[in-house]
PDB file of N, CA and C in Angstrom:
ATOM      1  N   MET A   1      28.731  12.552 -10.691  1.00  0.00           N
ATOM      2  CA  MET A   1      27.401  13.108 -10.776  1.00  0.00           C
ATOM      3  C   MET A   1      26.425  12.168 -10.079  1.00  0.00           C
ATOM      4  N   THR A   2      25.582  12.691  -9.203  1.00  0.00           N
ATOM      5  CA  THR A   2      24.636  11.895  -8.440  1.00  0.00           C
ATOM      6  C   THR A   2      23.306  11.816  -9.181  1.00  0.00           C
ATOM      7  N   ALA A   3      22.768  10.603  -9.264  1.00  0.00           N
ATOM      8  CA  ALA A   3      21.476  10.418  -9.916  1.00  0.00           C
ATOM      9  C   ALA A   3      20.368  10.923  -9.000  1.00  0.00           C
ATOM     10  N   HIS A   4      19.370  11.568  -9.583  1.00  0.00           N
ATOM     11  CA  HIS A   4      18.220  12.048  -8.830  1.00  0.00           C
ATOM     12  C   HIS A   4      17.307  10.869  -8.532  1.00  0.00           C
ATOM     13  N   VAL A   5      16.944  10.701  -7.271  1.00  0.00           N
ATOM     14  CA  VAL A   5      16.029   9.642  -6.866  1.00  0.00           C
ATOM     15  C   VAL A   5      14.750  10.296  -6.369  1.00  0.00           C
ATOM     16  N   ASP A   6      13.638   9.924  -6.958  1.00  0.00           N
ATOM     17  CA  ASP A   6      12.351  10.480  -6.579  1.00  0.00           C
ATOM     18  C   ASP A   6      11.879   9.784  -5.306  1.00  0.00           C
ATOM     19  N   VAL A   7      11.897  10.491  -4.178  1.00  0.00           N
ATOM     20  CA  VAL A   7      11.486   9.945  -2.897  1.00  0.00           C
ATOM     21  C   VAL A   7      10.131  10.533  -2.527  1.00  0.00           C
ATOM     22  N   PRO A   8       9.111   9.670  -2.356  1.00  0.00           N
ATOM     23  CA  PRO A   8       7.802  10.199  -1.989  1.00  0.00           C
ATOM     24  C   PRO A   8       7.845  10.854  -0.612  1.00  0.00           C
ATOM     25  N   MET A   9       7.191  12.004  -0.499  1.00  0.00           N
ATOM     26  CA  MET A   9       7.159  12.751   0.757  1.00  0.00           C
ATOM     27  C   MET A   9       5.763  12.658   1.370  1.00  0.00           C
ATOM     28  N   SER A  10       5.723  12.629   2.689  1.00  0.00           N
ATOM     29  CA  SER A  10       4.451  12.598   3.392  1.00  0.00           C
ATOM     30  C   SER A  10       3.844  13.996   3.441  1.00  0.00           C
ATOM     31  N   ALA A  11       2.613  14.059   3.871  1.00  0.00           N
ATOM     32  CA  ALA A  11       1.933  15.346   3.983  1.00  0.00           C
ATOM     33  C   ALA A  11       2.633  16.265   4.978  1.00  0.00           C
ATOM     34  N   ASP A  12       3.378  15.678   5.924  1.00  0.00           N
ATOM     35  CA  ASP A  12       4.076  16.502   6.917  1.00  0.00           C
ATOM     36  C   ASP A  12       5.561  16.680   6.585  1.00  0.00           C
ATOM     37  N   GLY A  13       5.951  16.366   5.340  1.00  0.00           N
ATOM     38  CA  GLY A  13       7.296  16.685   4.870  1.00  0.00           C
ATOM     39  C   GLY A  13       8.380  15.665   5.138  1.00  0.00           C
ATOM     40  N   HIS A  14       8.035  14.481   5.579  1.00  0.00           N
ATOM     41  CA  HIS A  14       9.028  13.434   5.795  1.00  0.00           C
ATOM     42  C   HIS A  14       9.090  12.512   4.577  1.00  0.00           C
ATOM     43  N   ALA A  15      10.267  12.017   4.303  1.00  0.00           N
ATOM     44  CA  ALA A  15      10.435  11.078   3.189  1.00  0.00           C
ATOM     45  C   ALA A  15       9.933   9.702   3.619  1.00  0.00           C
ATOM     46  N   TRP A  16       9.031   9.135   2.833  1.00  0.00           N
ATOM     47  CA  TRP A  16       8.564   7.780   3.119  1.00  0.00           C
ATOM     48  C   TRP A  16       9.690   6.813   2.787  1.00  0.00           C
ATOM     49  N   ASN A  17       9.911   5.862   3.662  1.00  0.00           N
ATOM     50  CA  ASN A  17      10.848   4.767   3.421  1.00  0.00           C
ATOM     51  C   ASN A  17      10.192   3.504   3.960  1.00  0.00           C
ATOM     52  N   GLU A  18      10.879   2.383   3.872  1.00  0.00           N
ATOM     53  CA  GLU A  18      10.271   1.121   4.293  1.00  0.00           C
ATOM     54  C   GLU A  18       9.871   1.137   5.768  1.00  0.00           C
ATOM     55  N   THR A  19      10.757   1.591   6.628  1.00  0.00           N
ATOM     56  CA  THR A  19      10.477   1.586   8.067  1.00  0.00           C
ATOM     57  C   THR A  19       9.289   2.461   8.418  1.00  0.00           C
ATOM     58  N   LEU A  20       9.277   3.702   7.939  1.00  0.00           N
ATOM     59  CA  LEU A  20       8.168   4.611   8.246  1.00  0.00           C
ATOM     60  C   LEU A  20       6.849   4.116   7.653  1.00  0.00           C
ATOM     61  N   THR A  21       6.910   3.582   6.442  1.00  0.00           N
ATOM     62  CA  THR A  21       5.694   3.093   5.794  1.00  0.00           C
ATOM     63  C   THR A  21       5.107   1.920   6.571  1.00  0.00           C
ATOM     64  N   ARG A  22       5.950   0.954   6.917  1.00  0.00           N
ATOM     65  CA  ARG A  22       5.471  -0.205   7.688  1.00  0.00           C
ATOM     66  C   ARG A  22       4.832   0.241   9.004  1.00  0.00           C
ATOM     67  N   GLN A  23       5.514   1.106   9.736  1.00  0.00           N
ATOM     68  CA  GLN A  23       5.005   1.557  11.033  1.00  0.00           C
ATOM     69  C   GLN A  23       3.700   2.336  10.887  1.00  0.00           C
ATOM     70  N   ALA A  24       3.659   3.236   9.933  1.00  0.00           N
ATOM     71  CA  ALA A  24       2.461   4.062   9.754  1.00  0.00           C
ATOM     72  C   ALA A  24       1.257   3.216   9.359  1.00  0.00           C
ATOM     73  N   ILE A  25       1.470   2.243   8.500  1.00  0.00           N
ATOM     74  CA  ILE A  25       0.360   1.395   8.070  1.00  0.00           C
ATOM     75  C   ILE A  25      -0.108   0.507   9.219  1.00  0.00           C
ATOM     76  N   LYS A  26       0.827  -0.133   9.911  1.00  0.00           N
ATOM     77  CA  LYS A  26       0.449  -1.022  11.018  1.00  0.00           C
ATOM     78  C   LYS A  26      -0.230  -0.266  12.149  1.00  0.00           C
ATOM     79  N   GLN A  27       0.295   0.899  12.497  1.00  0.00           N
ATOM     80  CA  GLN A  27      -0.197   1.619  13.667  1.00  0.00           C
ATOM     81  C   GLN A  27      -1.273   2.652  13.348  1.00  0.00           C
ATOM     82  N   GLY A  28      -1.357   3.077  12.097  1.00  0.00           N
ATOM     83  CA  GLY A  28      -2.300   4.137  11.790  1.00  0.00           C
ATOM     84  C   GLY A  28      -3.402   3.779  10.827  1.00  0.00           C
ATOM     85  N   ARG A  29      -3.269   2.648  10.120  1.00  0.00           N
ATOM     86  CA  ARG A  29      -4.294   2.337   9.123  1.00  0.00           C
ATOM     87  C   ARG A  29      -4.866   0.936   9.330  1.00  0.00           C
ATOM     88  N   SER A  30      -4.051  -0.096   9.379  1.00  0.00           N
ATOM     89  CA  SER A  30      -4.578  -1.462   9.445  1.00  0.00           C
ATOM     90  C   SER A  30      -4.874  -1.931  10.866  1.00  0.00           C
ATOM     91  N   MET A  31      -4.133  -1.411  11.819  1.00  0.00           N
ATOM     92  CA  MET A  31      -4.250  -1.854  13.216  1.00  0.00           C
ATOM     93  C   MET A  31      -4.106  -3.372  13.336  1.00  0.00           C
ATOM     94  N   GLY A  32      -3.299  -3.963  12.433  1.00  0.00           N
ATOM     95  CA  GLY A  32      -3.016  -5.395  12.486  1.00  0.00           C
ATOM     96  C   GLY A  32      -4.034  -6.289  11.815  1.00  0.00           C
ATOM     97  N   ARG A  33      -5.042  -5.702  11.177  1.00  0.00           N
ATOM     98  CA  ARG A  33      -6.073  -6.486  10.492  1.00  0.00           C
ATOM     99  C   ARG A  33      -5.876  -6.394   8.981  1.00  0.00           C
ATOM    100  N   CYS A  34      -6.214  -7.468   8.273  1.00  0.00           N
ATOM    101  CA  CYS A  34      -6.145  -7.450   6.813  1.00  0.00           C
ATOM    102  C   CYS A  34      -7.023  -6.309   6.316  1.00  0.00           C
ATOM    103  N   GLU A  35      -6.436  -5.428   5.537  1.00  0.00           N
ATOM    104  CA  GLU A  35      -7.174  -4.255   5.065  1.00  0.00           C
ATOM    105  C   GLU A  35      -8.230  -4.615   4.011  1.00  0.00           C
ATOM    106  N   TYR A  36      -8.168  -5.812   3.482  1.00  0.00           N
ATOM    107  CA  TYR A  36      -9.133  -6.244   2.478  1.00  0.00           C
ATOM    108  C   TYR A  36     -10.262  -7.049   3.130  1.00  0.00           C
ATOM    109  N   HIS A  37      -9.890  -8.090   3.881  1.00  0.00           N
ATOM    110  CA  HIS A  37     -10.900  -8.941   4.505  1.00  0.00           C
ATOM    111  C   HIS A  37     -11.410  -8.397   5.837  1.00  0.00           C
ATOM    112  N   ARG A  38     -10.600  -7.642   6.518  1.00  0.00           N
ATOM    113  CA  ARG A  38     -10.913  -7.020   7.817  1.00  0.00           C
ATOM    114  C   ARG A  38     -11.122  -8.010   8.949  1.00  0.00           C
ATOM    115  N   SER A  39     -11.513  -9.234   8.658  1.00  0.00           N
ATOM    116  CA  SER A  39     -11.741 -10.222   9.715  1.00  0.00           C
ATOM    117  C   SER A  39     -10.516 -11.101   9.972  1.00  0.00           C
ATOM    118  N   HIS A  40      -9.484 -10.973   9.154  1.00  0.00           N
ATOM    119  CA  HIS A  40      -8.261 -11.774   9.319  1.00  0.00           C
ATOM    120  C   HIS A  40      -7.128 -10.913   9.863  1.00  0.00           C
ATOM    121  N   ASP A  41      -6.179 -11.563  10.529  1.00  0.00           N
ATOM    122  CA  ASP A  41      -4.970 -10.859  10.950  1.00  0.00           C
ATOM    123  C   ASP A  41      -4.110 -10.566   9.724  1.00  0.00           C
ATOM    124  N   ALA A  42      -3.505  -9.399   9.704  1.00  0.00           N
ATOM    125  CA  ALA A  42      -2.605  -9.033   8.603  1.00  0.00           C
ATOM    126  C   ALA A  42      -1.217  -9.609   8.892  1.00  0.00           C
ATOM    127  N   THR A  43      -0.617 -10.214   7.879  1.00  0.00           N
ATOM    128  CA  THR A  43       0.707 -10.817   8.020  1.00  0.00           C
ATOM    129  C   THR A  43       1.711 -10.269   7.010  1.00  0.00           C
ATOM    130  N   ASP A  44       1.235  -9.765   5.880  1.00  0.00           N
ATOM    131  CA  ASP A  44       2.113  -9.384   4.774  1.00  0.00           C
ATOM    132  C   ASP A  44       1.881  -7.942   4.335  1.00  0.00           C
ATOM    133  N   MET A  45       2.959  -7.289   3.924  1.00  0.00           N
ATOM    134  CA  MET A  45       2.875  -5.978   3.288  1.00  0.00           C
ATOM    135  C   MET A  45       2.950  -6.222   1.782  1.00  0.00           C
ATOM    136  N   HIS A  46       1.886  -5.901   1.092  1.00  0.00           N
ATOM    137  CA  HIS A  46       1.798  -6.150  -0.355  1.00  0.00           C
ATOM    138  C   HIS A  46       2.060  -4.866  -1.130  1.00  0.00           C
ATOM    139  N   HIS A  47       3.010  -4.931  -2.068  1.00  0.00           N
ATOM    140  CA  HIS A  47       3.272  -3.821  -2.988  1.00  0.00           C
ATOM    141  C   HIS A  47       2.251  -3.893  -4.115  1.00  0.00           C
ATOM    142  N   ARG A  48       1.413  -2.901  -4.224  1.00  0.00           N
ATOM    143  CA  ARG A  48       0.439  -2.871  -5.309  1.00  0.00           C
ATOM    144  C   ARG A  48       1.160  -2.750  -6.651  1.00  0.00           C
ATOM    145  N   ARG A  49       2.167  -1.929  -6.705  1.00  0.00           N
ATOM    146  CA  ARG A  49       3.029  -1.817  -7.881  1.00  0.00           C
ATOM    147  C   ARG A  49       4.414  -2.263  -7.437  1.00  0.00           C
ATOM    148  N   ASN A  50       4.935  -3.292  -8.080  1.00  0.00           N
ATOM    149  CA  ASN A  50       6.216  -3.868  -7.691  1.00  0.00           C
ATOM    150  C   ASN A  50       7.349  -2.856  -7.786  1.00  0.00           C
ATOM    151  N   ALA A  51       8.356  -3.049  -6.941  1.00  0.00           N
ATOM    152  CA  ALA A  51       9.539  -2.190  -6.972  1.00  0.00           C
ATOM    153  C   ALA A  51      10.178  -2.212  -8.359  1.00  0.00           C
ATOM    154  N   SER A  52      10.153  -3.366  -9.024  1.00  0.00           N
ATOM    155  CA  SER A  52      10.736  -3.477 -10.363  1.00  0.00           C
ATOM    156  C   SER A  52       9.982  -2.641 -11.393  1.00  0.00           C
ATOM    157  N   GLN A  53       8.769  -2.205 -11.049  1.00  0.00           N
ATOM    158  CA  GLN A  53       7.955  -1.359 -11.927  1.00  0.00           C
ATOM    159  C   GLN A  53       7.925   0.079 -11.420  1.00  0.00           C
ATOM    160  N   GLY A  54       8.804   0.403 -10.496  1.00  0.00           N
ATOM    161  CA  GLY A  54       8.855   1.763  -9.969  1.00  0.00           C
ATOM    162  C   GLY A  54       8.017   1.989  -8.725  1.00  0.00           C
ATOM    163  N   GLY A  55       7.465   0.905  -8.151  1.00  0.00           N
ATOM    164  CA  GLY A  55       6.674   1.025  -6.933  1.00  0.00           C
ATOM    165  C   GLY A  55       7.549   1.372  -5.740  1.00  0.00           C
ATOM    166  N   LYS A  56       7.122   2.321  -4.951  1.00  0.00           N
ATOM    167  CA  LYS A  56       7.899   2.821  -3.808  1.00  0.00           C
ATOM    168  C   LYS A  56       7.282   2.339  -2.493  1.00  0.00           C
ATOM    169  N   TRP A  57       8.087   2.479  -1.437  1.00  0.00           N
ATOM    170  CA  TRP A  57       7.559   2.289  -0.088  1.00  0.00           C
ATOM    171  C   TRP A  57       6.810   3.562   0.260  1.00  0.00           C
ATOM    172  N   HIS A  58       5.513   3.530   0.057  1.00  0.00           N
ATOM    173  CA  HIS A  58       4.634   4.666   0.293  1.00  0.00           C
ATOM    174  C   HIS A  58       3.264   4.093   0.656  1.00  0.00           C
ATOM    175  N   PRO A  59       2.548   4.692   1.589  1.00  0.00           N
ATOM    176  CA  PRO A  59       1.258   4.140   2.006  1.00  0.00           C
ATOM    177  C   PRO A  59       0.257   3.885   0.884  1.00  0.00           C
ATOM    178  N   ALA A  60       0.290   4.631  -0.187  1.00  0.00           N
ATOM    179  CA  ALA A  60      -0.641   4.393  -1.291  1.00  0.00           C
ATOM    180  C   ALA A  60      -0.279   3.140  -2.078  1.00  0.00           C
ATOM    181  N   ASN A  61       0.971   2.705  -1.974  1.00  0.00           N
ATOM    182  CA  ASN A  61       1.434   1.551  -2.742  1.00  0.00           C
ATOM    183  C   ASN A  61       1.487   0.274  -1.910  1.00  0.00           C
ATOM    184  N   ILE A  62       1.329   0.365  -0.617  1.00  0.00           N
ATOM    185  CA  ILE A  62       1.464  -0.799   0.264  1.00  0.00           C
ATOM    186  C   ILE A  62       0.126  -1.074   0.936  1.00  0.00           C
ATOM    187  N   PHE A  63      -0.283  -2.332   0.913  1.00  0.00           N
ATOM    188  CA  PHE A  63      -1.540  -2.752   1.513  1.00  0.00           C
ATOM    189  C   PHE A  63      -1.233  -3.879   2.482  1.00  0.00           C
ATOM    190  N   HIS A  64      -1.654  -3.765   3.732  1.00  0.00           N
ATOM    191  CA  HIS A  64      -1.395  -4.754   4.774  1.00  0.00           C
ATOM    192  C   HIS A  64      -2.473  -5.832   4.687  1.00  0.00           C
ATOM    193  N   ILE A  65      -2.064  -7.058   4.357  1.00  0.00           N
ATOM    194  CA  ILE A  65      -3.034  -8.108   4.047  1.00  0.00           C
ATOM    195  C   ILE A  65      -2.695  -9.421   4.743  1.00  0.00           C
ATOM    196  N   CYS A  66      -3.655 -10.347   4.693  1.00  0.00           N
ATOM    197  CA  CYS A  66      -3.448 -11.687   5.239  1.00  0.00           C
ATOM    198  C   CYS A  66      -2.705 -12.551   4.214  1.00  0.00           C
ATOM    199  N   ARG A  67      -2.117 -13.620   4.683  1.00  0.00           N
ATOM    200  CA  ARG A  67      -1.361 -14.533   3.828  1.00  0.00           C
ATOM    201  C   ARG A  67      -2.252 -15.144   2.749  1.00  0.00           C
ATOM    202  N   GLU A  68      -3.508 -15.464   3.092  1.00  0.00           N
ATOM    203  CA  GLU A  68      -4.427 -16.063   2.119  1.00  0.00           C
ATOM    204  C   GLU A  68      -4.660 -15.134   0.924  1.00  0.00           C
ATOM    205  N   LEU A  69      -4.843 -13.848   1.216  1.00  0.00           N
ATOM    206  CA  LEU A  69      -5.060 -12.893   0.134  1.00  0.00           C
ATOM    207  C   LEU A  69      -3.797 -12.732  -0.702  1.00  0.00           C
ATOM    208  N   HIS A  70      -2.640 -12.721  -0.054  1.00  0.00           N
ATOM    209  CA  HIS A  70      -1.389 -12.583  -0.817  1.00  0.00           C
ATOM    210  C   HIS A  70      -1.245 -13.752  -1.787  1.00  0.00           C
ATOM    211  N   HIS A  71      -1.604 -14.946  -1.364  1.00  0.00           N
ATOM    212  CA  HIS A  71      -1.574 -16.114  -2.249  1.00  0.00           C
ATOM    213  C   HIS A  71      -2.566 -15.937  -3.399  1.00  0.00           C
ATOM    214  N   GLU A  72      -3.755 -15.440  -3.092  1.00  0.00           N
ATOM    215  CA  GLU A  72      -4.776 -15.215  -4.134  1.00  0.00           C
ATOM    216  C   GLU A  72      -4.293 -14.199  -5.172  1.00  0.00           C
ATOM    217  N   ILE A  73      -3.639 -13.143  -4.720  1.00  0.00           N
ATOM    218  CA  ILE A  73      -3.102 -12.116  -5.627  1.00  0.00           C
ATOM    219  C   ILE A  73      -2.056 -12.724  -6.546  1.00  0.00           C
ATOM    220  N   THR A  74      -1.203 -13.576  -5.985  1.00  0.00           N
ATOM    221  CA  THR A  74      -0.129 -14.209  -6.760  1.00  0.00           C
ATOM    222  C   THR A  74      -0.669 -15.194  -7.788  1.00  0.00           C
ATOM    223  N   THR A  75      -1.681 -15.962  -7.397  1.00  0.00           N
ATOM    224  CA  THR A  75      -2.198 -16.984  -8.313  1.00  0.00           C
ATOM    225  C   THR A  75      -3.252 -16.460  -9.291  1.00  0.00           C
ATOM    226  N   ASN A  76      -3.829 -15.297  -8.996  1.00  0.00           N
ATOM    227  CA  ASN A  76      -4.846 -14.706  -9.877  1.00  0.00           C
ATOM    228  C   ASN A  76      -4.524 -13.242 -10.155  1.00  0.00           C
ATOM    229  N   PRO A  77      -3.422 -12.985 -10.863  1.00  0.00           N
ATOM    230  CA  PRO A  77      -2.981 -11.599 -11.048  1.00  0.00           C
ATOM    231  C   PRO A  77      -3.965 -10.715 -11.804  1.00  0.00           C
ATOM    232  N   GLU A  78      -4.706 -11.241 -12.762  1.00  0.00           N
ATOM    233  CA  GLU A  78      -5.670 -10.414 -13.500  1.00  0.00           C
ATOM    234  C   GLU A  78      -6.807  -9.959 -12.593  1.00  0.00           C
ATOM    235  N   TRP A  79      -7.275 -10.858 -11.717  1.00  0.00           N
ATOM    236  CA  TRP A  79      -8.293 -10.467 -10.751  1.00  0.00           C
ATOM    237  C   TRP A  79      -7.752  -9.363  -9.841  1.00  0.00           C
ATOM    238  N   ALA A  80      -6.497  -9.538  -9.356  1.00  0.00           N
ATOM    239  CA  ALA A  80      -5.890  -8.551  -8.458  1.00  0.00           C
ATOM    240  C   ALA A  80      -5.821  -7.176  -9.121  1.00  0.00           C
ATOM    241  N   VAL A  81      -5.496  -7.123 -10.399  1.00  0.00           N
ATOM    242  CA  VAL A  81      -5.465  -5.852 -11.128  1.00  0.00           C
ATOM    243  C   VAL A  81      -6.890  -5.307 -11.257  1.00  0.00           C
ATOM    244  N   SER A  82      -7.858  -6.170 -11.513  1.00  0.00           N
ATOM    245  CA  SER A  82      -9.233  -5.708 -11.736  1.00  0.00           C
ATOM    246  C   SER A  82      -9.849  -5.049 -10.502  1.00  0.00           C
ATOM    247  N   VAL A  83      -9.377  -5.401  -9.308  1.00  0.00           N
ATOM    248  CA  VAL A  83      -9.909  -4.782  -8.092  1.00  0.00           C
ATOM    249  C   VAL A  83      -8.942  -3.767  -7.481  1.00  0.00           C
ATOM    250  N   GLY A  84      -7.794  -3.541  -8.134  1.00  0.00           N
ATOM    251  CA  GLY A  84      -6.858  -2.520  -7.676  1.00  0.00           C
ATOM    252  C   GLY A  84      -5.832  -2.973  -6.657  1.00  0.00           C
ATOM    253  N   LEU A  85      -5.802  -4.263  -6.349  1.00  0.00           N
ATOM    254  CA  LEU A  85      -4.809  -4.760  -5.402  1.00  0.00           C
ATOM    255  C   LEU A  85      -3.418  -4.805  -6.011  1.00  0.00           C
ATOM    256  N   SER A  86      -3.351  -5.006  -7.299  1.00  0.00           N
ATOM    257  CA  SER A  86      -2.089  -4.955  -8.033  1.00  0.00           C
ATOM    258  C   SER A  86      -2.241  -3.947  -9.156  1.00  0.00           C
ATOM    259  N   LEU A  87      -1.143  -3.327  -9.510  1.00  0.00           N
ATOM    260  CA  LEU A  87      -1.168  -2.287 -10.540  1.00  0.00           C
ATOM    261  C   LEU A  87      -0.195  -2.626 -11.652  1.00  0.00           C
ATOM    262  N   ARG A  88      -0.506  -2.152 -12.815  1.00  0.00           N
ATOM    263  CA  ARG A  88       0.397  -2.295 -13.956  1.00  0.00           C
ATOM    264  C   ARG A  88       1.404  -1.145 -13.947  1.00  0.00           C
ATOM    265  N   ALA A  89       2.502  -1.326 -14.653  1.00  0.00           N
ATOM    266  CA  ALA A  89       3.509  -0.266 -14.768  1.00  0.00           C
ATOM    267  C   ALA A  89       2.826   0.999 -15.264  1.00  0.00           C
ATOM    268  N   GLY A  90       3.150   2.108 -14.652  1.00  0.00           N
ATOM    269  CA  GLY A  90       2.586   3.385 -15.054  1.00  0.00           C
ATOM    270  C   GLY A  90       1.350   3.806 -14.272  1.00  0.00           C
ATOM    271  N   GLN A  91       0.664   2.860 -13.636  1.00  0.00           N
ATOM    272  CA  GLN A  91      -0.500   3.234 -12.833  1.00  0.00           C
ATOM    273  C   GLN A  91      -0.031   3.893 -11.541  1.00  0.00           C
ATOM    274  N   ASP A  92      -0.690   4.968 -11.139  1.00  0.00           N
ATOM    275  CA  ASP A  92      -0.352   5.700  -9.927  1.00  0.00           C
ATOM    276  C   ASP A  92      -1.162   5.146  -8.760  1.00  0.00           C
ATOM    277  N   PRO A  93      -0.495   4.583  -7.751  1.00  0.00           N
ATOM    278  CA  PRO A  93      -1.233   4.012  -6.619  1.00  0.00           C
ATOM    279  C   PRO A  93      -2.152   5.012  -5.920  1.00  0.00           C
ATOM    280  N   ALA A  94      -1.739   6.261  -5.800  1.00  0.00           N
ATOM    281  CA  ALA A  94      -2.556   7.261  -5.109  1.00  0.00           C
ATOM    282  C   ALA A  94      -3.823   7.613  -5.888  1.00  0.00           C
ATOM    283  N   ASN A  95      -3.850   7.308  -7.181  1.00  0.00           N
ATOM    284  CA  ASN A  95      -5.012   7.631  -8.012  1.00  0.00           C
ATOM    285  C   ASN A  95      -5.741   6.397  -8.511  1.00  0.00           C
ATOM    286  N   THR A  96      -5.455   5.247  -7.915  1.00  0.00           N
ATOM    287  CA  THR A  96      -6.114   4.005  -8.306  1.00  0.00           C
ATOM    288  C   THR A  96      -6.762   3.399  -7.068  1.00  0.00           C
ATOM    289  N   SER A  97      -8.068   3.282  -7.085  1.00  0.00           N
ATOM    290  CA  SER A  97      -8.798   2.776  -5.924  1.00  0.00           C
ATOM    291  C   SER A  97      -8.699   1.255  -5.825  1.00  0.00           C
ATOM    292  N   ILE A  98      -9.075   0.769  -4.651  1.00  0.00           N
ATOM    293  CA  ILE A  98      -9.198  -0.666  -4.389  1.00  0.00           C
ATOM    294  C   ILE A  98     -10.669  -0.938  -4.107  1.00  0.00           C
ATOM    295  N   LYS A  99     -11.215  -1.941  -4.790  1.00  0.00           N
ATOM    296  CA  LYS A  99     -12.609  -2.328  -4.550  1.00  0.00           C
ATOM    297  C   LYS A  99     -12.619  -3.411  -3.476  1.00  0.00           C
ATOM    298  N   LEU A 100     -13.230  -3.108  -2.346  1.00  0.00           N
ATOM    299  CA  LEU A 100     -13.315  -4.058  -1.249  1.00  0.00           C
ATOM    300  C   LEU A 100     -14.404  -5.091  -1.528  1.00  0.00           C
ATOM    301  N   PRO A 101     -14.326  -6.276  -0.901  1.00  0.00           N
ATOM    302  CA  PRO A 101     -15.298  -7.339  -1.206  1.00  0.00           C
ATOM    303  C   PRO A 101     -16.747  -6.979  -0.900  1.00  0.00           C
ATOM    304  N   ASP A 102     -16.972  -6.091   0.067  1.00  0.00           N
ATOM    305  CA  ASP A 102     -18.353  -5.730   0.405  1.00  0.00           C
ATOM    306  C   ASP A 102     -18.870  -4.540  -0.407  1.00  0.00           C
ATOM    307  N   GLY A 103     -18.113  -4.124  -1.423  1.00  0.00           N
ATOM    308  CA  GLY A 103     -18.614  -3.124  -2.344  1.00  0.00           C
ATOM    309  C   GLY A 103     -17.925  -1.788  -2.414  1.00  0.00           C
ATOM    310  N   PRO A 104     -17.547  -1.164  -1.283  1.00  0.00           N
ATOM    311  CA  PRO A 104     -16.987   0.194  -1.398  1.00  0.00           C
ATOM    312  C   PRO A 104     -15.594   0.198  -2.036  1.00  0.00           C
ATOM    313  N   TYR A 105     -15.250   1.351  -2.564  1.00  0.00           N
ATOM    314  CA  TYR A 105     -13.916   1.590  -3.107  1.00  0.00           C
ATOM    315  C   TYR A 105     -13.173   2.479  -2.120  1.00  0.00           C
ATOM    316  N   ILE A 106     -11.873   2.230  -1.967  1.00  0.00           N
ATOM    317  CA  ILE A 106     -11.057   3.101  -1.126  1.00  0.00           C
ATOM    318  C   ILE A 106      -9.839   3.569  -1.916  1.00  0.00           C
ATOM    319  N   TRP A 107      -9.354   4.737  -1.558  1.00  0.00           N
ATOM    320  CA  TRP A 107      -8.121   5.285  -2.120  1.00  0.00           C
ATOM    321  C   TRP A 107      -7.140   5.394  -0.966  1.00  0.00           C
ATOM    322  N   LEU A 108      -5.930   4.930  -1.172  1.00  0.00           N
ATOM    323  CA  LEU A 108      -4.922   4.957  -0.115  1.00  0.00           C
ATOM    324  C   LEU A 108      -4.120   6.247  -0.222  1.00  0.00           C
ATOM    325  N   THR A 109      -4.293   7.119   0.746  1.00  0.00           N
ATOM    326  CA  THR A 109      -3.613   8.405   0.755  1.00  0.00           C
ATOM    327  C   THR A 109      -3.007   8.653   2.123  1.00  0.00           C
ATOM    328  N   ASP A 110      -2.168   9.670   2.222  1.00  0.00           N
ATOM    329  CA  ASP A 110      -1.592  10.057   3.512  1.00  0.00           C
ATOM    330  C   ASP A 110      -2.680  10.417   4.514  1.00  0.00           C
ATOM    331  N   ASP A 111      -3.831  10.865   4.052  1.00  0.00           N
ATOM    332  CA  ASP A 111      -4.906  11.274   4.950  1.00  0.00           C
ATOM    333  C   ASP A 111      -5.448  10.119   5.784  1.00  0.00           C
ATOM    334  N   LEU A 112      -5.242   8.875   5.316  1.00  0.00           N
ATOM    335  CA  LEU A 112      -5.786   7.714   6.012  1.00  0.00           C
ATOM    336  C   LEU A 112      -4.892   7.201   7.128  1.00  0.00           C
ATOM    337  N   ILE A 113      -3.714   7.768   7.290  1.00  0.00           N
ATOM    338  CA  ILE A 113      -2.769   7.243   8.267  1.00  0.00           C
ATOM    339  C   ILE A 113      -2.216   8.344   9.146  1.00  0.00           C
ATOM    340  N   ALA A 114      -1.536   7.921  10.178  1.00  0.00           N
ATOM    341  CA  ALA A 114      -0.820   8.880  11.014  1.00  0.00           C
ATOM    342  C   ALA A 114       0.306   9.485  10.191  1.00  0.00           C
ATOM    343  N   LYS A 115       0.757  10.642  10.564  1.00  0.00           N
ATOM    344  CA  LYS A 115       1.809  11.322   9.826  1.00  0.00           C
ATOM    345  C   LYS A 115       3.153  10.604   9.999  1.00  0.00           C
ATOM    346  N   ALA A 116       3.953  10.643   8.959  1.00  0.00           N
ATOM    347  CA  ALA A 116       5.257   9.951   8.979  1.00  0.00           C
ATOM    348  C   ALA A 116       6.142  10.484  10.094  1.00  0.00           C
ATOM    349  N   GLY A 117       6.091  11.777  10.350  1.00  0.00           N
ATOM    350  CA  GLY A 117       6.956  12.384  11.361  1.00  0.00           C
ATOM    351  C   GLY A 117       6.754  11.835  12.751  1.00  0.00           C
ATOM    352  N   LYS A 118       5.601  11.246  12.994  1.00  0.00           N
ATOM    353  CA  LYS A 118       5.309  10.628  14.282  1.00  0.00           C
ATOM    354  C   LYS A 118       6.276   9.487  14.551  1.00  0.00           C
ATOM    355  N   TYR A 119       6.791   8.885  13.491  1.00  0.00           N
ATOM    356  CA  TYR A 119       7.649   7.702  13.622  1.00  0.00           C
ATOM    357  C   TYR A 119       9.114   8.032  13.365  1.00  0.00           C
ATOM    358  N   ALA A 120       9.418   9.263  13.025  1.00  0.00           N
ATOM    359  CA  ALA A 120      10.803   9.636  12.686  1.00  0.00           C
ATOM    360  C   ALA A 120      11.669   9.702  13.920  1.00  0.00           C
TER     361      ALA A 120
END
């Protein structure tokens, strides 16, 4: 008997996986810049909800960030949760906004990136 695996699907019907997610975020959303600071080069793909907590390779769960921010998230996990950069088990990345340093909130959805099928 095969176990059912919940695979997130893109708006255009493709299954998100690590390769498609990385490409779509780099080429369609971040353009190589830290999505939080915007003035730094992005070096790391950050899982807002860890894989061990059910976090998937999906654009709503992955944020392209600089190394400095990744260190800040690791050393200050409560702050990271308070601004939406990290999520607790059970939180839905697509329904949890991120508060940017200059004030606005953003929601990471398929609408913000190129379609997955472009990279298939």
